[in-house]
């Protein structure tokens, strides 16, 4: 895999003033990237589907992972998630 295509240290977190989960990751060049997932933190409607808070958190992790892969042009098959207080981390 090309070094520029690597996605490392994926997490989702909440920001005090944002109603949405924020995805953060490190790209292959070592730059920290942040993008909104547009998935509501407390649950609600996302793309026509009603989500509980727990479902929204899991969906935000999947959406953030997809955003990171698209940004890097990477295809990574293995994922492992870990809860870290206010954030959820995902590792290869």
Protein backbone atom coordinates (compact mmCIF):
# COMPACT_ATOMS: atom_id res chain seq x y z
CA UNK A 1 0.00 0.00 0.00
CA UNK A 2 1.18 3.50 -0.81
CA UNK A 3 2.25 5.43 2.31
CA UNK A 4 -0.11 8.29 1.38
CA UNK A 5 -3.07 5.90 1.42
CA UNK A 6 -2.72 4.75 5.03
CA UNK A 7 -5.36 5.66 7.57
CA UNK A 8 -4.30 5.45 11.23
CA UNK A 9 -5.72 6.26 14.64
CA UNK A 10 -9.36 6.71 13.68
CA UNK A 11 -11.58 8.10 16.44
CA UNK A 12 -14.96 9.75 16.71
CA UNK A 13 -15.58 12.35 19.36
CA UNK A 14 -18.11 14.90 20.51
CA UNK A 15 -17.55 18.63 20.53
CA UNK A 16 -19.42 20.72 23.03
CA UNK A 17 -21.03 23.04 20.48
CA UNK A 18 -21.67 20.53 17.69
CA UNK A 19 -24.76 18.31 17.51
CA UNK A 20 -22.83 15.84 15.30
CA UNK A 21 -20.11 13.23 15.83
CA UNK A 22 -16.69 14.34 14.54
CA UNK A 23 -14.31 11.85 12.90
CA UNK A 24 -10.55 12.30 13.39
CA UNK A 25 -7.72 10.30 11.85
CA UNK A 26 -4.08 10.52 10.81
CA UNK A 27 -3.34 10.18 7.11
CA UNK A 28 -0.25 8.59 5.57
CA UNK A 29 1.63 11.90 5.59
CA UNK A 30 1.14 12.27 9.35
CA UNK A 31 -1.50 15.00 9.07
CA UNK A 32 -4.39 14.94 11.51
CA UNK A 33 -7.72 15.17 9.67
CA UNK A 34 -11.15 16.10 11.10
CA UNK A 35 -14.53 15.85 9.41
CA UNK A 36 -18.11 16.02 10.62
CA UNK A 37 -20.03 12.79 10.12
CA UNK A 38 -23.39 14.63 10.14
CA UNK A 39 -24.68 11.85 12.44
CA UNK A 40 -26.48 13.36 15.48
CA UNK A 41 -24.79 12.64 18.83
CA UNK A 42 -28.03 12.04 20.72
CA UNK A 43 -29.62 9.98 17.99
CA UNK A 44 -32.40 11.11 15.71
CA UNK A 45 -32.93 10.92 11.98
CA UNK A 46 -29.92 10.26 9.75
CA UNK A 47 -30.61 9.83 6.01
CA UNK A 48 -34.24 8.95 6.66
CA UNK A 49 -33.47 6.36 9.35
CA UNK A 50 -34.38 6.85 13.01
CA UNK A 51 -31.39 6.04 15.28
CA UNK A 52 -31.03 5.69 19.05
CA UNK A 53 -27.96 7.31 20.68
CA UNK A 54 -26.08 3.98 20.66
CA UNK A 55 -26.95 3.27 17.05
CA UNK A 56 -25.91 6.81 16.10
CA UNK A 57 -22.50 6.33 17.71
CA UNK A 58 -21.88 3.10 15.79
CA UNK A 59 -23.13 4.66 12.55
CA UNK A 60 -20.86 7.69 13.08
CA UNK A 61 -17.86 5.38 13.40
CA UNK A 62 -18.73 3.70 10.09
CA UNK A 63 -19.33 7.04 8.36
CA UNK A 64 -16.05 8.49 9.70
CA UNK A 65 -14.18 5.40 8.52
CA UNK A 66 -15.66 5.78 5.04
CA UNK A 67 -14.74 9.50 4.99
CA UNK A 68 -11.15 8.68 5.93
CA UNK A 69 -10.84 5.97 3.29
CA UNK A 70 -12.26 8.24 0.58
CA UNK A 71 -9.94 11.08 1.57
CA UNK A 72 -6.90 8.80 1.49
CA UNK A 73 -8.00 6.62 -1.41
CA UNK A 74 -7.30 3.66 0.86
CA UNK A 75 -9.00 0.31 1.09
CA UNK A 76 -8.52 -1.22 4.53
CA UNK A 77 -10.36 -4.40 5.42
CA UNK A 78 -9.64 -5.03 9.12
CA UNK A 79 -11.00 -2.80 11.88
CA UNK A 80 -11.01 -2.96 15.68
CA UNK A 81 -12.92 -0.45 17.80
CA UNK A 82 -12.11 0.63 21.36
CA UNK A 83 -14.14 2.94 23.62
CA UNK A 84 -12.18 5.84 25.17
CA UNK A 85 -14.54 7.86 27.36
CA UNK A 86 -15.99 10.53 25.05
CA UNK A 87 -14.35 9.00 21.96
CA UNK A 88 -14.29 5.71 20.13
CA UNK A 89 -11.03 4.67 18.49
CA UNK A 90 -10.61 2.34 15.55
CA UNK A 91 -7.34 0.62 14.69
CA UNK A 92 -6.03 -1.64 11.95
